[in-house]
Amino acid sequence: MLSLLFPIIEQLEILSRILAIFWGLIILSPYGILICKL
């Protein structure tokens, strides 16, 4: 059972990293635009 869960956990870690980068870009993009305007 555990051997079946390990690949799923690895996939979830990869997904969470992608989501973190994605949300980081969304949050930073308005500030990036403001900095460019300054």
Protein backbone atom coordinates (compact mmCIF):
# COMPACT_ATOMS: atom_id res chain seq x y z
CA MET A 1 0.00 0.00 0.00
CA LEU A 2 2.75 2.49 0.94
CA SER A 3 4.68 1.75 -2.26
CA LEU A 4 1.56 2.79 -4.21
CA LEU A 5 1.23 6.05 -2.26
CA PHE A 6 4.81 7.27 -2.78
CA PRO A 7 4.43 8.12 -6.53
CA ILE A 8 1.17 9.98 -5.76
CA ILE A 9 2.87 11.99 -3.01
CA GLU A 10 5.71 12.88 -5.40
CA GLN A 11 3.19 14.05 -8.01
CA LEU A 12 1.39 16.16 -5.39
CA GLU A 13 4.69 17.80 -4.40
CA ILE A 14 5.40 18.67 -8.05
CA LEU A 15 1.86 20.05 -8.48
CA SER A 16 2.13 22.12 -5.30
CA ARG A 17 5.42 23.62 -6.53
CA ILE A 18 3.87 24.50 -9.91
CA LEU A 19 0.87 26.06 -8.16
CA ALA A 20 3.14 28.02 -5.81
CA ILE A 21 5.09 29.44 -8.79
CA PHE A 22 1.81 30.19 -10.62
CA TRP A 23 0.27 32.01 -7.64
CA GLY A 24 3.56 33.82 -7.02
CA LEU A 25 3.48 35.17 -10.59
CA ILE A 26 -0.16 36.28 -10.21
CA ILE A 27 0.55 38.04 -6.90
CA LEU A 28 3.78 39.64 -8.14
CA SER A 29 2.51 40.69 -11.59
CA PRO A 30 0.57 43.83 -10.43
CA TYR A 31 3.58 44.94 -8.35
CA GLY A 32 5.83 44.27 -11.34
CA ILE A 33 3.60 46.48 -13.51
CA LEU A 34 3.65 49.24 -10.87
CA ILE A 35 7.46 49.07 -10.62
CA CYS A 36 7.74 49.27 -14.42
CA LYS A 37 5.47 52.36 -14.46
CA LEU A 38 7.64 54.07 -11.82
